[in-house]
PDB file of N, CA and C in Angstrom:
ATOM      1  N   MET A   1      64.642  66.398 118.920  1.00  0.00           N
ATOM      2  CA  MET A   1      64.724  67.691 118.292  1.00  0.00           C
ATOM      3  C   MET A   1      65.425  68.642 119.248  1.00  0.00           C
ATOM      4  N   GLU A   2      66.425  69.367 118.762  1.00  0.00           N
ATOM      5  CA  GLU A   2      67.134  70.318 119.599  1.00  0.00           C
ATOM      6  C   GLU A   2      66.336  71.590 119.757  1.00  0.00           C
ATOM      7  N   GLU A   3      66.463  72.186 120.915  1.00  0.00           N
ATOM      8  CA  GLU A   3      65.831  73.471 121.147  1.00  0.00           C
ATOM      9  C   GLU A   3      66.837  74.361 121.841  1.00  0.00           C
ATOM     10  N   SER A   4      66.708  75.661 121.606  1.00  0.00           N
ATOM     11  CA  SER A   4      67.568  76.615 122.280  1.00  0.00           C
ATOM     12  C   SER A   4      66.715  77.753 122.783  1.00  0.00           C
ATOM     13  N   GLN A   5      67.227  78.458 123.777  1.00  0.00           N
ATOM     14  CA  GLN A   5      66.508  79.594 124.341  1.00  0.00           C
ATOM     15  C   GLN A   5      66.838  80.838 123.532  1.00  0.00           C
ATOM     16  N   GLY A   6      65.823  81.539 123.061  1.00  0.00           N
ATOM     17  CA  GLY A   6      66.010  82.813 122.378  1.00  0.00           C
ATOM     18  C   GLY A   6      66.088  83.928 123.405  1.00  0.00           C
ATOM     19  N   ASN A   7      66.301  85.156 122.974  1.00  0.00           N
ATOM     20  CA  ASN A   7      66.392  86.288 123.877  1.00  0.00           C
ATOM     21  C   ASN A   7      65.117  86.503 124.666  1.00  0.00           C
ATOM     22  N   SER A   8      63.982  86.147 124.104  1.00  0.00           N
ATOM     23  CA  SER A   8      62.709  86.371 124.777  1.00  0.00           C
ATOM     24  C   SER A   8      62.366  85.252 125.744  1.00  0.00           C
ATOM     25  N   GLY A   9      63.211  84.221 125.836  1.00  0.00           N
ATOM     26  CA  GLY A   9      62.944  83.117 126.727  1.00  0.00           C
ATOM     27  C   GLY A   9      62.084  82.032 126.106  1.00  0.00           C
ATOM     28  N   ASN A  10      61.621  82.228 124.880  1.00  0.00           N
ATOM     29  CA  ASN A  10      60.819  81.220 124.191  1.00  0.00           C
ATOM     30  C   ASN A  10      61.725  80.151 123.618  1.00  0.00           C
ATOM     31  N   ASN A  11      61.238  78.914 123.606  1.00  0.00           N
ATOM     32  CA  ASN A  11      61.999  77.845 122.965  1.00  0.00           C
ATOM     33  C   ASN A  11      61.930  78.024 121.462  1.00  0.00           C
ATOM     34  N   ILE A  12      63.068  77.894 120.811  1.00  0.00           N
ATOM     35  CA  ILE A  12      63.145  78.045 119.354  1.00  0.00           C
ATOM     36  C   ILE A  12      63.761  76.779 118.796  1.00  0.00           C
ATOM     37  N   GLU A  13      63.111  76.177 117.821  1.00  0.00           N
ATOM     38  CA  GLU A  13      63.649  74.995 117.170  1.00  0.00           C
ATOM     39  C   GLU A  13      64.877  75.371 116.371  1.00  0.00           C
ATOM     40  N   THR A  14      65.915  74.552 116.471  1.00  0.00           N
ATOM     41  CA  THR A  14      67.112  74.785 115.666  1.00  0.00           C
ATOM     42  C   THR A  14      67.191  73.826 114.494  1.00  0.00           C
ATOM     43  N   THR A  15      66.230  72.913 114.388  1.00  0.00           N
ATOM     44  CA  THR A  15      66.175  71.994 113.264  1.00  0.00           C
ATOM     45  C   THR A  15      65.733  72.760 112.029  1.00  0.00           C
ATOM     46  N   PRO A  16      66.448  72.597 110.899  1.00  0.00           N
ATOM     47  CA  PRO A  16      66.036  73.337 109.699  1.00  0.00           C
ATOM     48  C   PRO A  16      64.609  72.979 109.293  1.00  0.00           C
ATOM     49  N   GLN A  17      63.873  73.971 108.890  1.00  0.00           N
ATOM     50  CA  GLN A  17      62.512  73.769 108.430  1.00  0.00           C
ATOM     51  C   GLN A  17      62.474  73.950 106.915  1.00  0.00           C
ATOM     52  N   PHE A  18      61.638  73.180 106.273  1.00  0.00           N
ATOM     53  CA  PHE A  18      61.490  73.280 104.835  1.00  0.00           C
ATOM     54  C   PHE A  18      60.136  73.871 104.512  1.00  0.00           C
ATOM     55  N   MET A  19      60.090  74.630 103.457  1.00  0.00           N
ATOM     56  CA  MET A  19      58.832  75.198 102.996  1.00  0.00           C
ATOM     57  C   MET A  19      57.996  74.076 102.392  1.00  0.00           C
ATOM     58  N   ASN A  20      56.710  74.072 102.696  1.00  0.00           N
ATOM     59  CA  ASN A  20      55.813  73.096 102.093  1.00  0.00           C
ATOM     60  C   ASN A  20      55.647  73.384 100.612  1.00  0.00           C
ATOM     61  N   SER A  21      55.161  72.407  99.907  1.00  0.00           N
ATOM     62  CA  SER A  21      54.876  72.548  98.490  1.00  0.00           C
ATOM     63  C   SER A  21      53.548  73.274  98.304  1.00  0.00           C
ATOM     64  N   ILE A  22      53.199  73.520  97.067  1.00  0.00           N
ATOM     65  CA  ILE A  22      51.949  74.196  96.722  1.00  0.00           C
ATOM     66  C   ILE A  22      50.731  73.358  97.115  1.00  0.00           C
ATOM     67  N   ALA A  23      50.903  72.044  97.226  1.00  0.00           N
ATOM     68  CA  ALA A  23      49.797  71.139  97.564  1.00  0.00           C
ATOM     69  C   ALA A  23      50.310  70.070  98.524  1.00  0.00           C
ATOM     70  N   ASP A  24      49.474  69.709  99.477  1.00  0.00           N
ATOM     71  CA  ASP A  24      49.864  68.703 100.474  1.00  0.00           C
ATOM     72  C   ASP A  24      50.336  67.406  99.835  1.00  0.00           C
ATOM     73  N   GLU A  25      49.681  67.003  98.744  1.00  0.00           N
ATOM     74  CA  GLU A  25      50.036  65.738  98.108  1.00  0.00           C
ATOM     75  C   GLU A  25      51.427  65.773  97.460  1.00  0.00           C
ATOM     76  N   CYS A  26      52.037  66.942  97.350  1.00  0.00           N
ATOM     77  CA  CYS A  26      53.381  67.073  96.777  1.00  0.00           C
ATOM     78  C   CYS A  26      54.462  67.201  97.846  1.00  0.00           C
ATOM     79  N   ASN A  27      54.086  67.332  99.113  1.00  0.00           N
ATOM     80  CA  ASN A  27      55.065  67.579 100.171  1.00  0.00           C
ATOM     81  C   ASN A  27      56.113  66.483 100.305  1.00  0.00           C
ATOM     82  N   ASP A  28      55.704  65.212 100.234  1.00  0.00           N
ATOM     83  CA  ASP A  28      56.674  64.116 100.360  1.00  0.00           C
ATOM     84  C   ASP A  28      57.674  64.129  99.208  1.00  0.00           C
ATOM     85  N   LEU A  29      57.191  64.397  97.998  1.00  0.00           N
ATOM     86  CA  LEU A  29      58.094  64.477  96.841  1.00  0.00           C
ATOM     87  C   LEU A  29      59.042  65.662  96.971  1.00  0.00           C
ATOM     88  N   LYS A  30      58.537  66.779  97.449  1.00  0.00           N
ATOM     89  CA  LYS A  30      59.378  67.969  97.630  1.00  0.00           C
ATOM     90  C   LYS A  30      60.465  67.689  98.658  1.00  0.00           C
ATOM     91  N   LYS A  31      60.090  67.077  99.771  1.00  0.00           N
ATOM     92  CA  LYS A  31      61.071  66.775 100.806  1.00  0.00           C
ATOM     93  C   LYS A  31      62.123  65.803 100.285  1.00  0.00           C
ATOM     94  N   ALA A  32      61.690  64.795  99.539  1.00  0.00           N
ATOM     95  CA  ALA A  32      62.640  63.828  98.972  1.00  0.00           C
ATOM     96  C   ALA A  32      63.617  64.523  98.030  1.00  0.00           C
ATOM     97  N   TYR A  33      63.097  65.417  97.175  1.00  0.00           N
ATOM     98  CA  TYR A  33      63.989  66.148  96.264  1.00  0.00           C
ATOM     99  C   TYR A  33      64.899  67.091  97.046  1.00  0.00           C
ATOM    100  N   ASP A  34      64.345  67.832  98.011  1.00  0.00           N
ATOM    101  CA  ASP A  34      65.166  68.733  98.828  1.00  0.00           C
ATOM    102  C   ASP A  34      66.296  67.966  99.511  1.00  0.00           C
ATOM    103  N   ASP A  35      65.969  66.809 100.089  1.00  0.00           N
ATOM    104  CA  ASP A  35      66.987  65.990 100.758  1.00  0.00           C
ATOM    105  C   ASP A  35      68.060  65.542  99.780  1.00  0.00           C
ATOM    106  N   CYS A  36      67.635  65.106  98.595  1.00  0.00           N
ATOM    107  CA  CYS A  36      68.579  64.668  97.564  1.00  0.00           C
ATOM    108  C   CYS A  36      69.473  65.832  97.139  1.00  0.00           C
ATOM    109  N   PHE A  37      68.862  66.977  96.873  1.00  0.00           N
ATOM    110  CA  PHE A  37      69.623  68.148  96.430  1.00  0.00           C
ATOM    111  C   PHE A  37      70.608  68.588  97.505  1.00  0.00           C
ATOM    112  N   ASN A  38      70.150  68.676  98.752  1.00  0.00           N
ATOM    113  CA  ASN A  38      71.026  69.127  99.836  1.00  0.00           C
ATOM    114  C   ASN A  38      72.193  68.173 100.052  1.00  0.00           C
ATOM    115  N   ALA A  39      71.937  66.862  99.948  1.00  0.00           N
ATOM    116  CA  ALA A  39      73.017  65.883 100.061  1.00  0.00           C
ATOM    117  C   ALA A  39      74.002  66.062  98.913  1.00  0.00           C
ATOM    118  N   TRP A  40      73.487  66.197  97.695  1.00  0.00           N
ATOM    119  CA  TRP A  40      74.357  66.407  96.529  1.00  0.00           C
ATOM    120  C   TRP A  40      75.179  67.677  96.698  1.00  0.00           C
ATOM    121  N   PHE A  41      74.538  68.752  97.129  1.00  0.00           N
ATOM    122  CA  PHE A  41      75.234  70.030  97.258  1.00  0.00           C
ATOM    123  C   PHE A  41      76.388  69.932  98.257  1.00  0.00           C
ATOM    124  N   SER A  42      76.122  69.355  99.414  1.00  0.00           N
ATOM    125  CA  SER A  42      77.162  69.308 100.442  1.00  0.00           C
ATOM    126  C   SER A  42      78.209  68.231 100.194  1.00  0.00           C
ATOM    127  N   GLU A  43      77.780  67.109  99.625  1.00  0.00           N
ATOM    128  CA  GLU A  43      78.698  65.982  99.455  1.00  0.00           C
ATOM    129  C   GLU A  43      79.390  65.951  98.096  1.00  0.00           C
ATOM    130  N   LYS A  44      78.798  66.554  97.099  1.00  0.00           N
ATOM    131  CA  LYS A  44      79.356  66.486  95.741  1.00  0.00           C
ATOM    132  C   LYS A  44      79.751  67.863  95.204  1.00  0.00           C
ATOM    133  N   PHE A  45      78.781  68.769  95.094  1.00  0.00           N
ATOM    134  CA  PHE A  45      79.009  70.069  94.460  1.00  0.00           C
ATOM    135  C   PHE A  45      80.160  70.826  95.123  1.00  0.00           C
ATOM    136  N   LEU A  46      80.153  70.883  96.440  1.00  0.00           N
ATOM    137  CA  LEU A  46      81.197  71.636  97.146  1.00  0.00           C
ATOM    138  C   LEU A  46      82.572  70.996  97.003  1.00  0.00           C
ATOM    139  N   LYS A  47      82.593  69.760  96.497  1.00  0.00           N
ATOM    140  CA  LYS A  47      83.860  69.068  96.263  1.00  0.00           C
ATOM    141  C   LYS A  47      84.203  69.008  94.780  1.00  0.00           C
ATOM    142  N   GLY A  48      83.436  69.762  93.955  1.00  0.00           N
ATOM    143  CA  GLY A  48      83.768  69.876  92.546  1.00  0.00           C
ATOM    144  C   GLY A  48      82.924  69.058  91.589  1.00  0.00           C
ATOM    145  N   ASP A  49      82.080  68.168  92.093  1.00  0.00           N
ATOM    146  CA  ASP A  49      81.232  67.347  91.216  1.00  0.00           C
ATOM    147  C   ASP A  49      79.971  68.128  90.878  1.00  0.00           C
ATOM    148  N   ARG A  50      79.797  68.494  89.618  1.00  0.00           N
ATOM    149  CA  ARG A  50      78.660  69.308  89.198  1.00  0.00           C
ATOM    150  C   ARG A  50      77.517  68.479  88.611  1.00  0.00           C
ATOM    151  N   ASN A  51      77.610  67.150  88.630  1.00  0.00           N
ATOM    152  CA  ASN A  51      76.610  66.277  88.034  1.00  0.00           C
ATOM    153  C   ASN A  51      75.453  66.045  89.014  1.00  0.00           C
ATOM    154  N   LEU A  52      74.302  66.652  88.724  1.00  0.00           N
ATOM    155  CA  LEU A  52      73.130  66.571  89.587  1.00  0.00           C
ATOM    156  C   LEU A  52      72.156  65.480  89.139  1.00  0.00           C
ATOM    157  N   SER A  53      72.555  64.657  88.182  1.00  0.00           N
ATOM    158  CA  SER A  53      71.615  63.713  87.574  1.00  0.00           C
ATOM    159  C   SER A  53      71.007  62.726  88.562  1.00  0.00           C
ATOM    160  N   LYS A  54      71.649  62.480  89.707  1.00  0.00           N
ATOM    161  CA  LYS A  54      71.074  61.504  90.642  1.00  0.00           C
ATOM    162  C   LYS A  54      69.736  61.969  91.208  1.00  0.00           C
ATOM    163  N   CYS A  55      69.434  63.272  91.132  1.00  0.00           N
ATOM    164  CA  CYS A  55      68.171  63.814  91.650  1.00  0.00           C
ATOM    165  C   CYS A  55      67.144  64.071  90.540  1.00  0.00           C
ATOM    166  N   ASP A  56      67.510  63.812  89.299  1.00  0.00           N
ATOM    167  CA  ASP A  56      66.627  64.122  88.164  1.00  0.00           C
ATOM    168  C   ASP A  56      65.258  63.455  88.251  1.00  0.00           C
ATOM    169  N   ALA A  57      65.222  62.173  88.595  1.00  0.00           N
ATOM    170  CA  ALA A  57      63.947  61.448  88.640  1.00  0.00           C
ATOM    171  C   ALA A  57      63.022  62.049  89.690  1.00  0.00           C
ATOM    172  N   LEU A  58      63.571  62.401  90.855  1.00  0.00           N
ATOM    173  CA  LEU A  58      62.758  63.031  91.904  1.00  0.00           C
ATOM    174  C   LEU A  58      62.237  64.385  91.458  1.00  0.00           C
ATOM    175  N   LEU A  59      63.092  65.160  90.789  1.00  0.00           N
ATOM    176  CA  LEU A  59      62.670  66.473  90.307  1.00  0.00           C
ATOM    177  C   LEU A  59      61.544  66.335  89.291  1.00  0.00           C
ATOM    178  N   GLN A  60      61.642  65.367  88.397  1.00  0.00           N
ATOM    179  CA  GLN A  60      60.590  65.160  87.401  1.00  0.00           C
ATOM    180  C   GLN A  60      59.267  64.786  88.060  1.00  0.00           C
ATOM    181  N   LEU A  61      59.300  63.897  89.033  1.00  0.00           N
ATOM    182  CA  LEU A  61      58.076  63.503  89.738  1.00  0.00           C
ATOM    183  C   LEU A  61      57.470  64.692  90.488  1.00  0.00           C
ATOM    184  N   TYR A  62      58.310  65.447  91.149  1.00  0.00           N
ATOM    185  CA  TYR A  62      57.831  66.609  91.903  1.00  0.00           C
ATOM    186  C   TYR A  62      57.251  67.665  90.956  1.00  0.00           C
ATOM    187  N   THR A  63      57.893  67.887  89.828  1.00  0.00           N
ATOM    188  CA  THR A  63      57.416  68.862  88.849  1.00  0.00           C
ATOM    189  C   THR A  63      56.035  68.482  88.322  1.00  0.00           C
ATOM    190  N   VAL A  64      55.824  67.215  88.024  1.00  0.00           N
ATOM    191  CA  VAL A  64      54.516  66.750  87.551  1.00  0.00           C
ATOM    192  C   VAL A  64      53.463  66.999  88.626  1.00  0.00           C
ATOM    193  N   CYS A  65      53.788  66.703  89.862  1.00  0.00           N
ATOM    194  CA  CYS A  65      52.844  66.905  90.966  1.00  0.00           C
ATOM    195  C   CYS A  65      52.475  68.385  91.092  1.00  0.00           C
ATOM    196  N   VAL A  66      53.475  69.255  91.031  1.00  0.00           N
ATOM    197  CA  VAL A  66      53.229  70.698  91.146  1.00  0.00           C
ATOM    198  C   VAL A  66      52.375  71.204  89.988  1.00  0.00           C
ATOM    199  N   LYS A  67      52.682  70.767  88.781  1.00  0.00           N
ATOM    200  CA  LYS A  67      51.894  71.205  87.621  1.00  0.00           C
ATOM    201  C   LYS A  67      50.440  70.762  87.742  1.00  0.00           C
ATOM    202  N   ASN A  68      50.228  69.536  88.213  1.00  0.00           N
ATOM    203  CA  ASN A  68      48.854  69.058  88.410  1.00  0.00           C
ATOM    204  C   ASN A  68      48.146  69.877  89.483  1.00  0.00           C
ATOM    205  N   ALA A  69      48.835  70.188  90.569  1.00  0.00           N
ATOM    206  CA  ALA A  69      48.242  70.988  91.639  1.00  0.00           C
ATOM    207  C   ALA A  69      47.911  72.394  91.143  1.00  0.00           C
ATOM    208  N   MET A  70      48.752  72.943  90.280  1.00  0.00           N
ATOM    209  CA  MET A  70      48.491  74.274  89.725  1.00  0.00           C
ATOM    210  C   MET A  70      47.235  74.248  88.863  1.00  0.00           C
ATOM    211  N   LYS A  71      47.053  73.188  88.093  1.00  0.00           N
ATOM    212  CA  LYS A  71      45.843  73.065  87.272  1.00  0.00           C
ATOM    213  C   LYS A  71      44.604  73.005  88.156  1.00  0.00           C
ATOM    214  N   VAL A  72      44.664  72.195  89.209  1.00  0.00           N
ATOM    215  CA  VAL A  72      43.531  72.051  90.121  1.00  0.00           C
ATOM    216  C   VAL A  72      43.192  73.390  90.777  1.00  0.00           C
ATOM    217  N   LYS A  73      44.230  74.167  91.088  1.00  0.00           N
ATOM    218  CA  LYS A  73      44.025  75.462  91.753  1.00  0.00           C
ATOM    219  C   LYS A  73      43.841  76.608  90.755  1.00  0.00           C
ATOM    220  N   SER A  74      43.767  76.272  89.457  1.00  0.00           N
ATOM    221  CA  SER A  74      43.599  77.263  88.384  1.00  0.00           C
ATOM    222  C   SER A  74      44.687  78.339  88.417  1.00  0.00           C
ATOM    223  N   ILE A  75      45.924  77.909  88.618  1.00  0.00           N
ATOM    224  CA  ILE A  75      47.064  78.827  88.581  1.00  0.00           C
ATOM    225  C   ILE A  75      47.717  78.694  87.215  1.00  0.00           C
ATOM    226  N   ASP A  76      47.774  79.794  86.487  1.00  0.00           N
ATOM    227  CA  ASP A  76      48.356  79.817  85.149  1.00  0.00           C
ATOM    228  C   ASP A  76      49.858  80.069  85.268  1.00  0.00           C
ATOM    229  N   ILE A  77      50.684  79.128  84.810  1.00  0.00           N
ATOM    230  CA  ILE A  77      52.138  79.263  84.894  1.00  0.00           C
ATOM    231  C   ILE A  77      52.626  80.523  84.186  1.00  0.00           C
ATOM    232  N   ASN A  78      51.937  80.925  83.119  1.00  0.00           N
ATOM    233  CA  ASN A  78      52.348  82.131  82.404  1.00  0.00           C
ATOM    234  C   ASN A  78      52.185  83.373  83.278  1.00  0.00           C
ATOM    235  N   GLU A  79      51.176  83.382  84.134  1.00  0.00           N
ATOM    236  CA  GLU A  79      50.986  84.498  85.058  1.00  0.00           C
ATOM    237  C   GLU A  79      52.072  84.504  86.131  1.00  0.00           C
ATOM    238  N   VAL A  80      52.470  83.322  86.568  1.00  0.00           N
ATOM    239  CA  VAL A  80      53.503  83.201  87.596  1.00  0.00           C
ATOM    240  C   VAL A  80      54.846  83.686  87.067  1.00  0.00           C
ATOM    241  N   GLU A  81      55.123  83.409  85.793  1.00  0.00           N
ATOM    242  CA  GLU A  81      56.418  83.736  85.211  1.00  0.00           C
ATOM    243  C   GLU A  81      56.517  85.159  84.679  1.00  0.00           C
ATOM    244  N   LYS A  82      55.438  85.932  84.719  1.00  0.00           N
ATOM    245  CA  LYS A  82      55.466  87.305  84.207  1.00  0.00           C
ATOM    246  C   LYS A  82      56.429  88.176  84.986  1.00  0.00           C
ATOM    247  N   GLU A  83      57.103  89.044  84.256  1.00  0.00           N
ATOM    248  CA  GLU A  83      57.981  90.032  84.883  1.00  0.00           C
ATOM    249  C   GLU A  83      57.130  91.149  85.468  1.00  0.00           C
ATOM    250  N   HIS A  84      57.371  91.461  86.729  1.00  0.00           N
ATOM    251  CA  HIS A  84      56.625  92.537  87.370  1.00  0.00           C
ATOM    252  C   HIS A  84      57.539  93.639  87.893  1.00  0.00           C
ATOM    253  N   LEU A  85      58.660  93.273  88.491  1.00  0.00           N
ATOM    254  CA  LEU A  85      59.546  94.268  89.070  1.00  0.00           C
ATOM    255  C   LEU A  85      60.113  95.177  87.984  1.00  0.00           C
ATOM    256  N   GLY A  86      60.033  96.450  88.242  1.00  0.00           N
ATOM    257  CA  GLY A  86      60.562  97.426  87.293  1.00  0.00           C
ATOM    258  C   GLY A  86      59.686  97.651  86.079  1.00  0.00           C
ATOM    259  N   THR A  87      58.447  97.158  86.090  1.00  0.00           N
ATOM    260  CA  THR A  87      57.538  97.355  84.967  1.00  0.00           C
ATOM    261  C   THR A  87      56.285  98.069  85.453  1.00  0.00           C
ATOM    262  N   GLU A  88      55.428  98.427  84.524  1.00  0.00           N
ATOM    263  CA  GLU A  88      54.151  99.051  84.863  1.00  0.00           C
ATOM    264  C   GLU A  88      53.286  98.097  85.703  1.00  0.00           C
ATOM    265  N   ASN A  89      53.447  96.786  85.495  1.00  0.00           N
ATOM    266  CA  ASN A  89      52.702  95.800  86.278  1.00  0.00           C
ATOM    267  C   ASN A  89      52.975  95.930  87.775  1.00  0.00           C
ATOM    268  N   GLU A  90      54.177  96.350  88.135  1.00  0.00           N
ATOM    269  CA  GLU A  90      54.535  96.499  89.529  1.00  0.00           C
ATOM    270  C   GLU A  90      53.718  97.591  90.207  1.00  0.00           C
ATOM    271  N   ARG A  91      53.421  98.629  89.472  1.00  0.00           N
ATOM    272  CA  ARG A  91      52.693  99.792  90.026  1.00  0.00           C
ATOM    273  C   ARG A  91      51.185  99.611  90.031  1.00  0.00           C
ATOM    274  N   ARG A  92      50.689  98.691  89.207  1.00  0.00           N
ATOM    275  CA  ARG A  92      49.261  98.478  89.064  1.00  0.00           C
ATOM    276  C   ARG A  92      48.692  97.750  90.279  1.00  0.00           C
ATOM    277  N   LYS A  93      47.544  98.229  90.753  1.00  0.00           N
ATOM    278  CA  LYS A  93      46.878  97.580  91.883  1.00  0.00           C
ATOM    279  C   LYS A  93      46.271  96.271  91.418  1.00  0.00           C
ATOM    280  N   PRO A  94      46.298  95.246  92.267  1.00  0.00           N
ATOM    281  CA  PRO A  94      45.679  93.963  91.890  1.00  0.00           C
ATOM    282  C   PRO A  94      44.185  94.139  91.635  1.00  0.00           C
ATOM    283  N   SER A  95      43.681  93.369  90.680  1.00  0.00           N
ATOM    284  CA  SER A  95      42.246  93.469  90.382  1.00  0.00           C
ATOM    285  C   SER A  95      41.454  92.443  91.138  1.00  0.00           C
TER     286      SER A  95
END
């Protein structure tokens, strides 16, 4: 792993970090999809190929895992998708 010195003298990792998934059991699927997407983006999309289908199966598996984790954590997708910015909901204090 590469490291570089920051201005404060602390070692800082230069290896890209990925955000974890909503649940630990989904992290491997998320990383696999992220890797697939990033490879497609750099190797295909930037060269004009817009066909992302090679990552579809990974995305479907990851989506199922996330939806199951949301159910376990009692997260309602409709609440997540609600518009808040620029609405009265934005000004309302959380209950």
